[in-house]
Structure formats: structure tokens, C-alpha cells
Amino acid sequence: MGCSRWRAALNFGHLKAQSRLPVFLTMILLFTYLCYCLSSRCDALPRPVFSSGAPEGGRLLGSAVPLLRHRLADSAGGMRPLDNISIFNNFGSKKFPQAIIIGVKKGGTRALLEFLRVHPDVRAVGTEPHFFDRCYDKGLGWYRSLMPRTLEGQITMEKTPSYFITKEAPRRVHALSRHTKLIVVVRDPVTRAISDYTQTLSKSPGLPSFQNLAFRNDSATLIDTSWSAVRIGIYAKHLENWLRYFPLSRFLFVSGERLVTDPAGEMGRVQDFLGLKRVVTDKHFYFNQTKGFPCLKKPEGSSRPRCLGKSKGRPHPQIPTEVLLRLRDFYRPFNLKFYQMTGQDFGWS
């Protein structure tokens, strides 16, 4: 009887072990399959394709570039700030700027750059590098390191308004590339001088009056051209220096006044000059009555529109009428010469 029970238990245990074996084998197969699937999934993920030996991380090849450019264009249409798209930061390469906004201070250069940055094919340095006037001794490697990465077909830009009045700047820019496109934003030199003075006054409240600085030795007739606020507005003189190195065809002169009254029109000219599709149009702008100049409409996903900072659109101090008339008389022959040199009449009285 005991032997029978022992045999029965042995047979049952054997059957139980046999039933566990398929389950164990099935689990091994499932685990192997799962690992295989995960490995295949990782291999199937899309990766950018780079050419070998390309500088700064390689250049995107094949269909990757059109796909990225299409997504960038969608972002521009929705007014999303491109600088926030961190996924693109490691793509492309750093290049020297193909176009530079070289002037002029208080002419509207910041507004122009911000408007241009809406375009998906424009990448620009945020701060002013001042390479060709103050930092030239730091070398081209340092200058290039400041540039944003760009994809094929995109334009690298920078703006430093003081280049226009710097004697050495034209020669230095030409030494880098004689094909560089140069943009100059100009404004009525009298209004520009007052705006320049207003900015300085906000930083130095103890500054002498505008008329005391504008006239030499307290004279009511002799304009002090050594004062930078006055000197910058002699556009014809500064342009002569640049034309020694670059033909007129390399320049675009943007009206600071029209950039306020008709931003889409001026932006159309700028985009044409840069060889870009006209993406930035009147649908991107609205006029801010408080500031007195146009702002970009609210970007998608943002709670408010994009306007220039508090330092832009400051109210100007009252300047005596006789001072303004004397300044206009001073600038008139220089303005007429500038019109002749550029082939444009900016309408400054």
C-alpha cells in the first residue's frame, strides 16, 4: 500500500514538472522576442544623416533638410520664436555672416533684426558682436564661435550699428568676404540725433542740454561735428568710406521712418535683397499706439505680443525750434549728397 502511494506521488510530480517545462520555455521565447523588438525599435528611430568630414558636427543631407525647413516655416507662420526650438541647436554649422546690419545707431536696427528673426531662413546673433570695431584682435575664430548654427539655405546675420562710422570696418569686412551683403537703416539725422541724446540722458541725467552739446563753444551757428550724436548723421561721409571697398550693389538702405509706417513694405525689400522668400508680411504686425511703432503680433502659445523693450520709444525732450532749424540747415547738403549716392530720396526736410 505504501509503495503504491509512493509511485503515485512520483508519477504526479513527474507530470507536474512536465507541465511546467512548456511554460518555462514559453517565457524564455517571450523574453527573447521582447528584447528583439526593443532593439529593432531603437534602430528604427529616425536619425539625422550627416556627411563625413563636415565642419561643426556635419551637414544635414537628403530629405532631413527639407523636413526641418518645412517645420521651421510652419513655426514662422504660427509666429513661434525659433530660438526656443532647442531640438535644432545641434544641427548645421557655424558660418561667418553673409549679411550684416552695419548702421546706424538709433535708426531702427534692433527693430529690423527682430522682424527678420521671424523668418525661418534667418539666424542671427542676439547681442552686438562689435568684432570689426572693438574686438578685431580676438580673431576670426572667436567671431565665428559667436554665430548660431545654420542649416543649408539659411542666412547667418549680425548687427553692430557702429560699424558704419568706424574707419577700419569696411576694410576688415572686405578682408573677410567681399560678397557680404550690407544693410544700413537710416533715419532723419536731426530726429536720430535727438533720439541718441535721449538715450544717453536716460543713463546720465546730469548731461548738459542738447543745444549746449550740439553747438561749438556756446555758438548759435557752429555745429559741433565732434559730438557723436551729430557726427553719425553725416551719412554721405561715412558711406564714402564704405564705397572704397564695396560696390553700391552690396548695400541696402532701409528707411527708419518707413520701417515704422510701413514695416511690411520695408521688410519686403529686405527679404528680396537677401534672396529670401517673402515670409514676413503685414499679417505679422500691428501698430502699438503707446510706443508709437509697430510690434509683432502675439506668437502662438504666448500670452502677449512681441514688442521692443522699454528703452525703445522713449519720449524726446523739447528742443528749441531755432536749434532744430539750424541743424536741418546743417544736414541739408549732406542729405542731398546721400540721396545722390544711394539713388533714394528719403524725404528729410
Protein backbone atom coordinates (compact mmCIF):
# COMPACT_ATOMS: atom_id res chain seq x y z
CA MET A 1 0.00 0.00 0.00
CA GLY A 2 2.86 2.39 0.92
CA CYS A 3 4.71 1.56 -2.29
CA SER A 4 1.62 2.31 -4.34
CA ARG A 5 1.30 5.73 -2.72
CA TRP A 6 4.98 6.44 -3.34
CA ARG A 7 4.70 5.52 -7.03
CA ALA A 8 1.56 7.64 -7.43
CA ALA A 9 3.26 10.69 -5.89
CA LEU A 10 6.30 10.16 -8.09
CA ASN A 11 4.17 9.94 -11.22
CA PHE A 12 2.24 13.10 -10.22
CA GLY A 13 5.46 15.07 -9.59
CA HIS A 14 6.83 13.95 -12.94
CA LEU A 15 3.66 15.10 -14.68
CA LYS A 16 3.79 18.40 -12.81
CA ALA A 17 7.40 19.02 -13.90
CA GLN A 18 6.46 18.16 -17.47
CA SER A 19 3.63 20.72 -17.40
CA ARG A 20 6.00 23.44 -16.09
CA LEU A 21 8.58 22.92 -18.82
CA PRO A 22 6.48 24.35 -21.70
CA VAL A 23 5.59 27.37 -19.57
CA PHE A 24 9.25 28.00 -18.82
CA LEU A 25 10.22 27.66 -22.49
CA THR A 26 7.37 29.96 -23.48
CA MET A 27 8.60 32.62 -21.05
CA ILE A 28 12.13 32.40 -22.49
CA LEU A 29 10.77 32.81 -26.01
CA LEU A 30 8.64 35.81 -24.98
CA PHE A 31 11.57 37.48 -23.24
CA THR A 32 13.82 36.91 -26.28
CA TYR A 33 11.15 38.33 -28.59
CA LEU A 34 10.66 41.37 -26.38
CA CYS A 35 14.39 42.14 -26.41
CA TYR A 36 14.45 41.75 -30.18
CA CYS A 37 11.51 44.13 -30.60
CA LEU A 38 13.06 46.75 -28.37
CA SER A 39 16.34 46.51 -30.24
CA SER A 40 14.58 46.85 -33.60
CA ARG A 41 12.54 49.79 -32.33
CA CYS A 42 15.71 51.68 -31.36
CA ASP A 43 17.23 51.00 -34.75
CA ALA A 44 14.06 52.19 -36.45
CA LEU A 45 14.04 55.59 -34.78
CA PRO A 46 14.78 58.40 -37.29
CA ARG A 47 18.27 59.86 -37.09
CA PRO A 48 19.80 62.82 -38.90
CA VAL A 49 22.21 61.87 -41.67
CA PHE A 50 25.47 63.76 -41.82
CA SER A 51 28.18 63.92 -44.41
CA SER A 52 31.58 62.76 -43.22
CA GLY A 53 34.15 65.42 -42.54
CA ALA A 54 31.66 68.29 -42.43
CA PRO A 55 32.64 71.06 -40.03
CA GLU A 56 30.93 71.71 -36.72
CA GLY A 57 29.01 68.47 -36.43
CA GLY A 58 28.34 67.84 -40.11
CA ARG A 59 25.83 68.99 -42.66
CA LEU A 60 22.34 67.52 -42.92
CA LEU A 61 21.83 65.50 -46.08
CA GLY A 62 18.96 64.06 -48.06
CA SER A 63 15.39 64.58 -47.01
CA ALA A 64 16.27 65.73 -43.49
CA VAL A 65 16.88 69.35 -44.56
CA PRO A 66 13.56 69.86 -46.40
CA LEU A 67 11.70 68.29 -43.45
CA LEU A 68 13.36 70.60 -40.92
CA ARG A 69 12.90 73.65 -43.17
CA HIS A 70 9.21 72.74 -43.57
CA ARG A 71 8.80 72.57 -39.80
CA LEU A 72 10.64 75.89 -39.40
CA ALA A 73 8.36 77.50 -41.97
CA ASP A 74 5.33 76.22 -40.07
CA SER A 75 6.77 77.77 -36.92
CA ALA A 76 7.19 81.14 -38.64
CA GLY A 77 3.63 81.04 -39.94
CA GLY A 78 2.46 80.48 -36.37
CA MET A 79 4.85 83.14 -35.05
CA ARG A 80 6.70 80.73 -32.77
CA PRO A 81 10.10 82.10 -31.66
CA LEU A 82 12.71 79.95 -33.41
CA ASP A 83 15.23 80.37 -30.61
CA ASN A 84 13.04 78.25 -28.35
CA ILE A 85 13.26 75.19 -30.63
CA SER A 86 16.16 73.50 -28.84
CA ILE A 87 15.95 70.33 -30.98
CA PHE A 88 17.66 72.15 -33.83
CA ASN A 89 20.51 73.57 -31.77
CA ASN A 90 22.97 70.78 -32.63
CA PHE A 91 22.17 70.71 -36.35
CA GLY A 92 24.01 72.61 -39.04
CA SER A 93 27.27 74.50 -38.79
CA LYS A 94 28.56 77.87 -37.65
CA LYS A 95 29.37 80.21 -40.51
CA PHE A 96 30.54 83.77 -40.89
CA PRO A 97 27.62 86.14 -41.54
CA GLN A 98 26.53 86.51 -45.14
CA ALA A 99 24.72 89.75 -44.25
CA ILE A 100 25.44 92.43 -41.64
CA ILE A 101 23.32 95.33 -40.40
CA ILE A 102 26.11 97.91 -40.16
CA GLY A 103 24.16 101.00 -39.12
CA VAL A 104 23.00 103.31 -37.91
CA LYS A 105 22.62 103.76 -34.18
CA LYS A 106 19.06 104.84 -33.20
CA GLY A 107 17.96 104.29 -36.77
CA GLY A 108 15.81 101.21 -36.19
CA THR A 109 18.39 98.42 -36.41
CA ARG A 110 17.04 96.46 -33.45
CA ALA A 111 13.51 96.51 -34.83
CA LEU A 112 14.76 95.34 -38.23
CA LEU A 113 16.70 92.45 -36.71
CA GLU A 114 13.74 91.34 -34.58
CA PHE A 115 11.45 91.44 -37.60
CA LEU A 116 13.96 89.43 -39.64
CA ARG A 117 14.28 86.77 -36.97
CA VAL A 118 10.67 85.79 -37.63
CA HIS A 119 11.85 84.40 -40.97
CA PRO A 120 12.72 80.67 -40.77
CA ASP A 121 15.72 81.12 -43.08
CA VAL A 122 17.39 83.79 -40.94
CA ARG A 123 19.55 83.04 -37.91
CA ALA A 124 21.13 85.99 -36.14
CA VAL A 125 23.39 86.74 -33.20
CA GLY A 126 21.33 88.21 -30.36
CA THR A 127 23.86 90.69 -28.98
CA GLU A 128 26.07 93.06 -30.96
CA PRO A 129 29.47 91.36 -31.51
CA HIS A 130 31.41 94.60 -32.21
CA PHE A 131 34.04 92.45 -33.92
CA PHE A 132 35.04 94.82 -36.73
CA ASP A 133 35.37 97.85 -34.46
CA ARG A 134 36.26 96.85 -30.88
CA CYS A 135 37.12 93.13 -30.81
CA TYR A 136 39.05 92.57 -34.03
CA ASP A 137 42.14 91.44 -32.15
CA LYS A 138 40.21 88.46 -30.76
CA GLY A 139 40.46 86.80 -34.15
CA LEU A 140 38.14 85.18 -36.66
CA GLY A 141 37.81 82.01 -34.59
CA TRP A 142 36.27 83.98 -31.75
CA TYR A 143 33.95 85.80 -34.15
CA ARG A 144 32.79 82.57 -35.77
CA SER A 145 32.14 80.99 -32.38
CA LEU A 146 29.51 83.66 -31.68
CA MET A 147 27.43 82.69 -34.71
CA PRO A 148 24.34 80.49 -34.45
CA ARG A 149 24.26 77.16 -36.25
CA THR A 150 22.52 77.25 -39.60
CA LEU A 151 21.11 74.67 -41.97
CA GLU A 152 21.75 74.64 -45.69
CA GLY A 153 19.89 77.57 -47.28
CA GLN A 154 19.69 79.62 -44.09
CA ILE A 155 21.40 83.01 -43.71
CA THR A 156 23.65 83.97 -40.80
CA MET A 157 23.36 87.62 -39.74
CA GLU A 158 24.64 90.01 -37.14
CA LYS A 159 24.08 93.69 -36.35
CA THR A 160 26.50 96.25 -34.97
CA PRO A 161 25.41 99.83 -35.88
CA SER A 162 28.76 101.39 -35.02
CA TYR A 163 30.42 99.63 -37.98
CA PHE A 164 29.02 102.28 -40.33
CA ILE A 165 31.02 105.08 -38.69
CA THR A 166 34.18 103.06 -37.95
CA LYS A 167 37.02 103.91 -40.34
CA GLU A 168 38.62 100.44 -40.26
CA ALA A 169 35.39 98.44 -40.52
CA PRO A 170 34.96 98.44 -44.35
CA ARG A 171 38.47 97.12 -44.95
CA ARG A 172 38.09 94.45 -42.28
CA VAL A 173 34.68 93.26 -43.52
CA HIS A 174 36.01 93.16 -47.09
CA ALA A 175 39.03 91.11 -45.95
CA LEU A 176 36.62 88.53 -44.53
CA SER A 177 34.35 88.42 -47.59
CA ARG A 178 33.82 90.86 -50.43
CA HIS A 179 30.44 89.20 -51.04
CA THR A 180 28.96 90.26 -47.69
CA LYS A 181 25.57 91.98 -48.01
CA LEU A 182 25.40 95.24 -46.05
CA ILE A 183 22.22 96.75 -44.64
CA VAL A 184 22.06 100.34 -43.40
CA VAL A 185 18.96 101.61 -41.58
CA VAL A 186 18.89 105.40 -41.84
CA ARG A 187 16.63 107.99 -40.27
CA ASP A 188 16.21 111.77 -40.41
CA PRO A 189 19.58 112.80 -38.90
CA VAL A 190 18.00 115.52 -36.72
CA THR A 191 15.47 113.12 -35.19
CA ARG A 192 18.18 110.48 -34.89
CA ALA A 193 20.48 112.89 -33.00
CA ILE A 194 17.70 113.77 -30.53
CA SER A 195 16.94 110.07 -30.00
CA ASP A 196 20.65 109.40 -29.42
CA TYR A 197 20.79 112.24 -26.88
CA THR A 198 17.64 110.94 -25.15
CA GLN A 199 19.20 107.51 -24.70
CA THR A 200 22.39 108.98 -23.23
CA LEU A 201 20.36 111.29 -20.98
CA SER A 202 18.48 108.31 -19.53
CA LYS A 203 21.81 106.86 -18.40
CA SER A 204 23.40 110.19 -17.38
CA PRO A 205 20.71 112.54 -16.01
CA GLY A 206 23.28 115.29 -15.38
CA LEU A 207 24.09 115.63 -19.07
CA PRO A 208 24.19 119.20 -20.48
CA SER A 209 21.29 120.31 -22.67
CA PHE A 210 21.04 119.15 -26.27
CA GLN A 211 21.77 122.61 -27.66
CA ASN A 212 24.84 123.05 -25.47
CA LEU A 213 26.29 119.84 -26.89
CA ALA A 214 25.21 120.45 -30.49
CA PHE A 215 26.83 123.86 -30.86
CA ARG A 216 30.53 124.58 -30.54
CA ASN A 217 31.73 126.99 -27.84
CA ASP A 218 28.19 128.13 -26.97
CA SER A 219 27.86 129.44 -30.51
CA ALA A 220 24.41 129.60 -32.06
CA THR A 221 25.78 128.92 -35.53
CA LEU A 222 28.73 126.50 -35.44
CA ILE A 223 27.65 122.86 -35.21
CA ASP A 224 29.99 120.65 -33.19
CA THR A 225 30.65 117.69 -35.51
CA SER A 226 32.93 116.10 -32.92
CA TRP A 227 29.84 115.19 -30.88
CA SER A 228 28.92 111.66 -31.93
CA ALA A 229 25.18 112.37 -31.93
CA VAL A 230 25.78 114.91 -34.70
CA ARG A 231 28.62 113.12 -36.48
CA ILE A 232 26.71 109.86 -37.04
CA GLY A 233 24.07 111.68 -39.09
CA ILE A 234 26.54 112.79 -41.79
CA TYR A 235 25.67 109.64 -43.74
CA ALA A 236 27.31 110.67 -47.02
CA LYS A 237 30.72 110.97 -45.38
CA HIS A 238 30.55 107.51 -43.81
CA LEU A 239 29.20 105.91 -46.98
CA GLU A 240 32.15 107.25 -48.98
CA ASN A 241 34.46 105.22 -46.77
CA TRP A 242 32.48 102.03 -47.40
CA LEU A 243 32.26 102.57 -51.15
CA ARG A 244 36.04 102.37 -51.34
CA TYR A 245 35.71 98.64 -50.64
CA PHE A 246 32.19 97.62 -51.69
CA PRO A 247 30.10 98.47 -54.77
CA LEU A 248 26.71 100.10 -54.20
CA SER A 249 25.01 96.85 -55.23
CA ARG A 250 26.15 95.22 -51.97
CA PHE A 251 24.15 97.75 -49.92
CA LEU A 252 20.51 98.04 -48.98
CA PHE A 253 19.41 101.33 -47.40
CA VAL A 254 16.33 100.89 -45.23
CA SER A 255 14.21 103.87 -44.25
CA GLY A 256 13.79 104.02 -40.49
CA GLU A 257 10.64 106.11 -40.97
CA ARG A 258 9.04 103.61 -43.36
CA LEU A 259 10.01 100.78 -41.05
CA VAL A 260 7.55 102.41 -38.62
CA THR A 261 4.80 103.48 -41.04
CA ASP A 262 5.01 100.50 -43.42
CA PRO A 263 7.01 97.68 -41.81
CA ALA A 264 5.72 95.02 -44.21
CA GLY A 265 6.76 97.09 -47.24
CA GLU A 266 10.29 97.66 -45.97
CA MET A 267 10.58 94.04 -44.88
CA GLY A 268 9.62 93.00 -48.40
CA ARG A 269 12.58 94.97 -49.78
CA VAL A 270 14.91 93.47 -47.17
CA GLN A 271 13.81 89.90 -47.91
CA ASP A 272 14.24 90.48 -51.64
CA PHE A 273 17.74 91.88 -51.08
CA LEU A 274 18.71 88.83 -49.02
CA GLY A 275 17.28 86.45 -51.61
CA LEU A 276 14.61 85.19 -49.24
CA LYS A 277 11.02 84.25 -49.83
CA ARG A 278 8.64 86.96 -48.58
CA VAL A 279 7.50 85.22 -45.42
CA VAL A 280 7.33 88.29 -43.13
CA THR A 281 4.27 90.25 -44.31
CA ASP A 282 1.66 92.67 -42.96
CA LYS A 283 -0.09 89.81 -41.14
CA HIS A 284 2.81 89.76 -38.67
CA PHE A 285 2.47 93.38 -37.48
CA TYR A 286 0.21 95.67 -35.52
CA PHE A 287 0.82 99.28 -34.53
CA ASN A 288 1.35 99.93 -30.81
CA GLN A 289 -0.18 103.34 -30.10
CA THR A 290 1.57 103.65 -26.73
CA LYS A 291 5.08 103.05 -28.04
CA GLY A 292 4.45 104.71 -31.39
CA PHE A 293 5.87 101.95 -33.56
CA PRO A 294 4.88 98.51 -34.89
CA CYS A 295 5.11 95.33 -32.86
CA LEU A 296 4.97 91.70 -33.89
CA LYS A 297 1.60 90.08 -33.30
CA LYS A 298 1.22 87.58 -30.48
CA PRO A 299 3.22 84.42 -31.18
CA GLU A 300 1.35 81.13 -30.99
CA GLY A 301 1.40 79.81 -27.44
CA SER A 302 2.32 83.21 -25.97
CA SER A 303 0.13 85.39 -23.78
CA ARG A 304 1.30 88.71 -25.24
CA PRO A 305 2.74 90.21 -28.43
CA ARG A 306 6.43 90.82 -29.05
CA CYS A 307 7.42 94.47 -28.73
CA LEU A 308 10.80 96.07 -28.30
CA GLY A 309 11.89 96.82 -24.76
CA LYS A 310 11.31 99.85 -22.57
CA SER A 311 14.43 101.54 -23.95
CA LYS A 312 12.66 101.90 -27.32
CA GLY A 313 10.08 104.58 -27.90
CA ARG A 314 11.17 106.95 -25.13
CA PRO A 315 9.58 110.42 -25.26
CA HIS A 316 12.03 113.01 -26.57
CA PRO A 317 12.84 116.23 -24.68
CA GLN A 318 11.63 119.54 -26.08
CA ILE A 319 14.27 121.13 -28.30
CA PRO A 320 14.01 124.85 -29.21
CA THR A 321 12.72 125.42 -32.74
CA GLU A 322 15.70 127.57 -33.74
CA VAL A 323 18.04 124.73 -32.77
CA LEU A 324 16.13 122.27 -34.95
CA LEU A 325 16.12 124.69 -37.89
CA ARG A 326 19.87 125.27 -37.59
CA LEU A 327 20.52 121.53 -37.52
CA ARG A 328 18.32 120.97 -40.58
CA ASP A 329 20.25 123.64 -42.46
CA PHE A 330 23.49 121.94 -41.46
CA TYR A 331 22.41 118.46 -42.61
CA ARG A 332 20.63 119.52 -45.83
CA PRO A 333 23.66 119.41 -48.20
CA PHE A 334 24.84 116.12 -46.70
CA ASN A 335 21.36 114.65 -47.10
CA LEU A 336 21.18 115.70 -50.76
CA LYS A 337 24.58 114.13 -51.42
CA PHE A 338 23.44 110.95 -49.68
CA TYR A 339 20.32 110.84 -51.88
CA GLN A 340 22.53 111.13 -54.97
CA MET A 341 24.93 108.43 -53.78
CA THR A 342 22.19 105.93 -52.95
CA GLY A 343 19.67 106.83 -55.65
CA GLN A 344 17.00 107.19 -52.96
CA ASP A 345 15.17 110.26 -51.71
CA PHE A 346 14.31 109.71 -48.05
CA GLY A 347 12.29 112.92 -47.82
CA TRP A 348 14.08 114.54 -44.90
CA SER A 349 13.30 118.27 -44.92
